[in-house]
Amino acid sequence: MASASKPKKTVRIASGLKRVRQDVKLNAANSALRSKFRTAIKGVLKAVAAGDKPKAAEAFKTAQCVIDSIADKGLFHKNKAARHKSRLSAKVKGLASAAA
């Protein structure tokens, strides 16, 4: 599918060249943040799957910070961040009621 798209044109204007350099840096930073986000969520889900309530709660606490920071930076919409936090929180709380 990617090969069917048009080849990118080379930029010749100085401001365009600078923009390309900036885009490469921003893309790398955003990719790293997205990866950090996914890793944080997986940590909570693994703890929930294992049934480990204290570990899940601790992982959720760190995941909340990661999700909030990514939403603040504008990588994800605030509603998407809230949705993820809500679903993770429900899973952690469900773990407590299932164990009781």
N, C-alpha and C. Protein backbone atom coordinates (compact mmCIF):
# COMPACT_ATOMS: atom_id res chain seq x y z
N MET A 1 0.82 -1.18 0.00
CA MET A 1 0.00 0.00 0.00
C MET A 1 0.87 1.25 0.00
N ALA A 2 1.96 1.24 0.72
CA ALA A 2 2.83 2.41 0.79
C ALA A 2 3.52 2.66 -0.55
N SER A 3 3.78 1.62 -1.30
CA SER A 3 4.46 1.79 -2.58
C SER A 3 3.55 2.43 -3.63
N ALA A 4 2.24 2.38 -3.42
CA ALA A 4 1.29 2.95 -4.37
C ALA A 4 1.21 4.47 -4.26
N SER A 5 1.69 5.04 -3.15
CA SER A 5 1.61 6.48 -2.99
C SER A 5 2.65 7.18 -3.85
N LYS A 6 2.43 8.48 -4.06
CA LYS A 6 3.34 9.26 -4.87
C LYS A 6 4.69 9.40 -4.17
N PRO A 7 5.77 9.42 -4.95
CA PRO A 7 7.08 9.65 -4.31
C PRO A 7 7.15 11.09 -3.82
N LYS A 8 7.80 11.29 -2.68
CA LYS A 8 7.89 12.64 -2.12
C LYS A 8 8.86 13.47 -2.94
N LYS A 9 8.49 14.73 -3.12
CA LYS A 9 9.34 15.64 -3.86
C LYS A 9 10.43 16.18 -2.95
N THR A 10 11.60 16.44 -3.50
CA THR A 10 12.68 17.01 -2.73
C THR A 10 12.46 18.50 -2.57
N VAL A 11 12.64 18.97 -1.35
CA VAL A 11 12.47 20.39 -1.07
C VAL A 11 13.76 21.11 -1.41
N ARG A 12 13.64 22.30 -2.02
CA ARG A 12 14.83 23.06 -2.40
C ARG A 12 14.97 24.35 -1.60
N ILE A 13 13.86 24.83 -1.08
CA ILE A 13 13.87 26.10 -0.35
C ILE A 13 14.43 25.86 1.05
N ALA A 14 15.22 26.83 1.53
CA ALA A 14 15.89 26.68 2.82
C ALA A 14 14.90 26.44 3.96
N SER A 15 13.80 27.18 3.97
CA SER A 15 12.82 27.00 5.05
C SER A 15 12.18 25.61 4.97
N GLY A 16 12.02 25.10 3.76
CA GLY A 16 11.48 23.76 3.57
C GLY A 16 12.45 22.69 4.05
N LEU A 17 13.73 22.90 3.78
CA LEU A 17 14.76 21.96 4.25
C LEU A 17 14.80 21.92 5.78
N LYS A 18 14.69 23.10 6.39
CA LYS A 18 14.67 23.17 7.85
C LYS A 18 13.45 22.44 8.39
N ARG A 19 12.32 22.64 7.74
CA ARG A 19 11.08 21.98 8.17
C ARG A 19 11.23 20.46 8.11
N VAL A 20 11.88 19.95 7.08
CA VAL A 20 12.11 18.51 6.94
C VAL A 20 12.97 18.00 8.09
N ARG A 21 14.04 18.76 8.43
CA ARG A 21 14.90 18.37 9.55
C ARG A 21 14.11 18.35 10.86
N GLN A 22 13.27 19.35 11.06
CA GLN A 22 12.47 19.42 12.28
C GLN A 22 11.47 18.25 12.35
N ASP A 23 10.88 17.93 11.20
CA ASP A 23 9.90 16.85 11.16
C ASP A 23 10.51 15.51 11.54
N VAL A 24 11.75 15.29 11.12
CA VAL A 24 12.44 14.04 11.46
C VAL A 24 12.62 13.95 12.97
N LYS A 25 13.05 15.05 13.59
CA LYS A 25 13.24 15.06 15.05
C LYS A 25 11.91 14.87 15.78
N LEU A 26 10.87 15.60 15.34
CA LEU A 26 9.57 15.50 15.98
C LEU A 26 8.98 14.10 15.84
N ASN A 27 9.16 13.52 14.66
CA ASN A 27 8.64 12.18 14.42
C ASN A 27 9.31 11.18 15.36
N ALA A 28 10.62 11.30 15.55
CA ALA A 28 11.34 10.41 16.45
C ALA A 28 10.86 10.58 17.89
N ALA A 29 10.67 11.82 18.30
CA ALA A 29 10.21 12.10 19.67
C ALA A 29 8.80 11.55 19.89
N ASN A 30 7.92 11.78 18.91
CA ASN A 30 6.54 11.30 19.04
C ASN A 30 6.48 9.78 19.05
N SER A 31 7.32 9.13 18.24
CA SER A 31 7.36 7.67 18.21
C SER A 31 7.80 7.12 19.56
N ALA A 32 8.79 7.76 20.16
CA ALA A 32 9.27 7.32 21.47
C ALA A 32 8.18 7.47 22.53
N LEU A 33 7.46 8.59 22.49
CA LEU A 33 6.39 8.81 23.46
C LEU A 33 5.24 7.81 23.26
N ARG A 34 4.90 7.54 22.01
CA ARG A 34 3.84 6.58 21.72
C ARG A 34 4.22 5.19 22.23
N SER A 35 5.49 4.84 22.06
CA SER A 35 5.98 3.56 22.54
C SER A 35 5.91 3.49 24.06
N LYS A 36 6.30 4.57 24.72
CA LYS A 36 6.24 4.65 26.19
C LYS A 36 4.80 4.48 26.67
N PHE A 37 3.86 5.08 25.95
CA PHE A 37 2.44 4.98 26.26
C PHE A 37 1.97 3.53 26.17
N ARG A 38 2.30 2.87 25.08
CA ARG A 38 1.89 1.48 24.88
C ARG A 38 2.49 0.56 25.94
N THR A 39 3.75 0.80 26.28
CA THR A 39 4.43 -0.01 27.27
C THR A 39 3.77 0.15 28.63
N ALA A 40 3.40 1.37 28.99
CA ALA A 40 2.75 1.63 30.27
C ALA A 40 1.41 0.89 30.35
N ILE A 41 0.65 0.93 29.28
CA ILE A 41 -0.65 0.26 29.26
C ILE A 41 -0.48 -1.26 29.35
N LYS A 42 0.50 -1.79 28.63
CA LYS A 42 0.74 -3.23 28.67
C LYS A 42 1.13 -3.68 30.08
N GLY A 43 1.88 -2.84 30.78
CA GLY A 43 2.27 -3.18 32.15
C GLY A 43 1.06 -3.34 33.05
N VAL A 44 0.09 -2.45 32.92
CA VAL A 44 -1.13 -2.55 33.73
C VAL A 44 -1.92 -3.79 33.33
N LEU A 45 -2.08 -4.01 32.03
CA LEU A 45 -2.86 -5.15 31.56
C LEU A 45 -2.25 -6.48 31.98
N LYS A 46 -0.92 -6.56 31.96
CA LYS A 46 -0.26 -7.80 32.39
C LYS A 46 -0.47 -8.05 33.88
N ALA A 47 -0.39 -7.00 34.67
CA ALA A 47 -0.61 -7.14 36.12
C ALA A 47 -2.05 -7.55 36.41
N VAL A 48 -2.99 -6.99 35.65
CA VAL A 48 -4.40 -7.35 35.83
C VAL A 48 -4.62 -8.80 35.43
N ALA A 49 -4.02 -9.20 34.32
CA ALA A 49 -4.17 -10.58 33.85
C ALA A 49 -3.58 -11.57 34.86
N ALA A 50 -2.50 -11.17 35.53
CA ALA A 50 -1.87 -12.03 36.52
C ALA A 50 -2.67 -12.04 37.83
N GLY A 51 -3.57 -11.08 38.01
CA GLY A 51 -4.38 -11.01 39.21
C GLY A 51 -3.67 -10.37 40.39
N ASP A 52 -2.60 -9.65 40.11
CA ASP A 52 -1.79 -9.03 41.16
C ASP A 52 -2.29 -7.61 41.41
N LYS A 53 -3.14 -7.43 42.42
CA LYS A 53 -3.77 -6.13 42.69
C LYS A 53 -2.76 -5.04 43.04
N PRO A 54 -1.81 -5.26 43.97
CA PRO A 54 -0.87 -4.17 44.31
C PRO A 54 0.01 -3.76 43.12
N LYS A 55 0.45 -4.74 42.37
CA LYS A 55 1.29 -4.44 41.21
C LYS A 55 0.48 -3.69 40.14
N ALA A 56 -0.76 -4.10 39.95
CA ALA A 56 -1.63 -3.43 38.97
C ALA A 56 -1.89 -1.99 39.37
N ALA A 57 -2.11 -1.76 40.66
CA ALA A 57 -2.36 -0.41 41.14
C ALA A 57 -1.13 0.48 40.95
N GLU A 58 0.04 -0.08 41.23
CA GLU A 58 1.28 0.68 41.05
C GLU A 58 1.53 0.98 39.57
N ALA A 59 1.30 -0.03 38.71
CA ALA A 59 1.48 0.16 37.27
C ALA A 59 0.49 1.18 36.74
N PHE A 60 -0.73 1.17 37.27
CA PHE A 60 -1.75 2.13 36.83
C PHE A 60 -1.35 3.55 37.22
N LYS A 61 -0.77 3.69 38.40
CA LYS A 61 -0.34 5.01 38.86
C LYS A 61 0.72 5.59 37.91
N THR A 62 1.68 4.78 37.50
CA THR A 62 2.71 5.27 36.58
C THR A 62 2.12 5.49 35.18
N ALA A 63 1.19 4.62 34.79
CA ALA A 63 0.56 4.76 33.47
C ALA A 63 -0.23 6.06 33.39
N GLN A 64 -0.88 6.45 34.49
CA GLN A 64 -1.63 7.71 34.52
C GLN A 64 -0.72 8.89 34.21
N CYS A 65 0.45 8.91 34.81
CA CYS A 65 1.40 10.01 34.57
C CYS A 65 1.81 10.06 33.11
N VAL A 66 2.10 8.89 32.55
CA VAL A 66 2.53 8.81 31.15
C VAL A 66 1.41 9.28 30.23
N ILE A 67 0.20 8.81 30.48
CA ILE A 67 -0.94 9.17 29.64
C ILE A 67 -1.22 10.67 29.71
N ASP A 68 -1.17 11.22 30.92
CA ASP A 68 -1.42 12.66 31.08
C ASP A 68 -0.36 13.50 30.39
N SER A 69 0.90 13.10 30.51
CA SER A 69 1.97 13.89 29.88
C SER A 69 1.86 13.86 28.37
N ILE A 70 1.45 12.74 27.82
CA ILE A 70 1.30 12.64 26.36
C ILE A 70 0.12 13.49 25.89
N ALA A 71 -0.96 13.51 26.68
CA ALA A 71 -2.11 14.34 26.32
C ALA A 71 -1.76 15.82 26.42
N ASP A 72 -0.97 16.18 27.43
CA ASP A 72 -0.56 17.57 27.59
C ASP A 72 0.31 18.04 26.43
N LYS A 73 1.11 17.15 25.90
CA LYS A 73 1.99 17.50 24.78
C LYS A 73 1.24 17.55 23.46
N GLY A 74 0.00 17.07 23.46
CA GLY A 74 -0.82 17.15 22.25
C GLY A 74 -0.65 15.97 21.32
N LEU A 75 0.02 14.93 21.78
CA LEU A 75 0.19 13.75 20.93
C LEU A 75 -1.13 13.00 20.78
N PHE A 76 -1.90 12.94 21.87
CA PHE A 76 -3.24 12.36 21.85
C PHE A 76 -4.22 13.41 22.34
N HIS A 77 -5.45 13.27 21.94
CA HIS A 77 -6.50 14.16 22.42
C HIS A 77 -6.77 13.87 23.89
N LYS A 78 -7.20 14.88 24.62
CA LYS A 78 -7.48 14.72 26.06
C LYS A 78 -8.54 13.65 26.30
N ASN A 79 -9.53 13.58 25.41
CA ASN A 79 -10.60 12.58 25.58
C ASN A 79 -10.07 11.16 25.40
N LYS A 80 -9.13 10.98 24.49
CA LYS A 80 -8.55 9.66 24.30
C LYS A 80 -7.78 9.25 25.55
N ALA A 81 -7.05 10.20 26.13
CA ALA A 81 -6.30 9.92 27.36
C ALA A 81 -7.27 9.55 28.48
N ALA A 82 -8.35 10.31 28.61
CA ALA A 82 -9.33 10.05 29.65
C ALA A 82 -9.97 8.68 29.45
N ARG A 83 -10.25 8.33 28.22
CA ARG A 83 -10.86 7.02 27.91
C ARG A 83 -9.94 5.88 28.34
N HIS A 84 -8.65 5.99 28.01
CA HIS A 84 -7.69 4.95 28.38
C HIS A 84 -7.57 4.83 29.89
N LYS A 85 -7.47 5.98 30.57
CA LYS A 85 -7.35 5.95 32.03
C LYS A 85 -8.60 5.34 32.67
N SER A 86 -9.76 5.67 32.15
CA SER A 86 -11.01 5.16 32.69
C SER A 86 -11.09 3.64 32.53
N ARG A 87 -10.73 3.14 31.37
CA ARG A 87 -10.81 1.70 31.12
C ARG A 87 -9.80 0.94 31.97
N LEU A 88 -8.59 1.49 32.09
CA LEU A 88 -7.59 0.83 32.92
C LEU A 88 -8.02 0.84 34.38
N SER A 89 -8.56 1.97 34.83
CA SER A 89 -9.02 2.08 36.21
C SER A 89 -10.13 1.06 36.49
N ALA A 90 -11.04 0.90 35.56
CA ALA A 90 -12.13 -0.07 35.73
C ALA A 90 -11.59 -1.49 35.85
N LYS A 91 -10.55 -1.79 35.07
CA LYS A 91 -9.96 -3.14 35.14
C LYS A 91 -9.28 -3.37 36.47
N VAL A 92 -8.57 -2.36 36.97
CA VAL A 92 -7.89 -2.50 38.26
C VAL A 92 -8.92 -2.63 39.38
N LYS A 93 -9.98 -1.82 39.34
CA LYS A 93 -11.02 -1.90 40.36
C LYS A 93 -11.78 -3.23 40.27
N GLY A 94 -12.01 -3.70 39.07
CA GLY A 94 -12.68 -5.00 38.87
C GLY A 94 -11.86 -6.13 39.43
N LEU A 95 -10.56 -5.97 39.41
CA LEU A 95 -9.66 -6.96 39.96
C LEU A 95 -9.86 -7.05 41.48
N ALA A 96 -10.08 -5.92 42.11
CA ALA A 96 -10.27 -5.88 43.56
C ALA A 96 -11.57 -6.58 43.95
N SER A 97 -12.64 -6.34 43.20
CA SER A 97 -13.93 -6.93 43.53
C SER A 97 -13.95 -8.42 43.21
N ALA A 98 -13.21 -8.84 42.18
CA ALA A 98 -13.16 -10.25 41.81
C ALA A 98 -12.39 -11.05 42.87
N ALA A 99 -11.37 -10.42 43.45
CA ALA A 99 -10.55 -11.10 44.46
C ALA A 99 -11.29 -11.20 45.79
N ALA A 100 -12.20 -10.26 46.04
CA ALA A 100 -12.89 -10.23 47.34
C ALA A 100 -14.00 -11.24 47.45
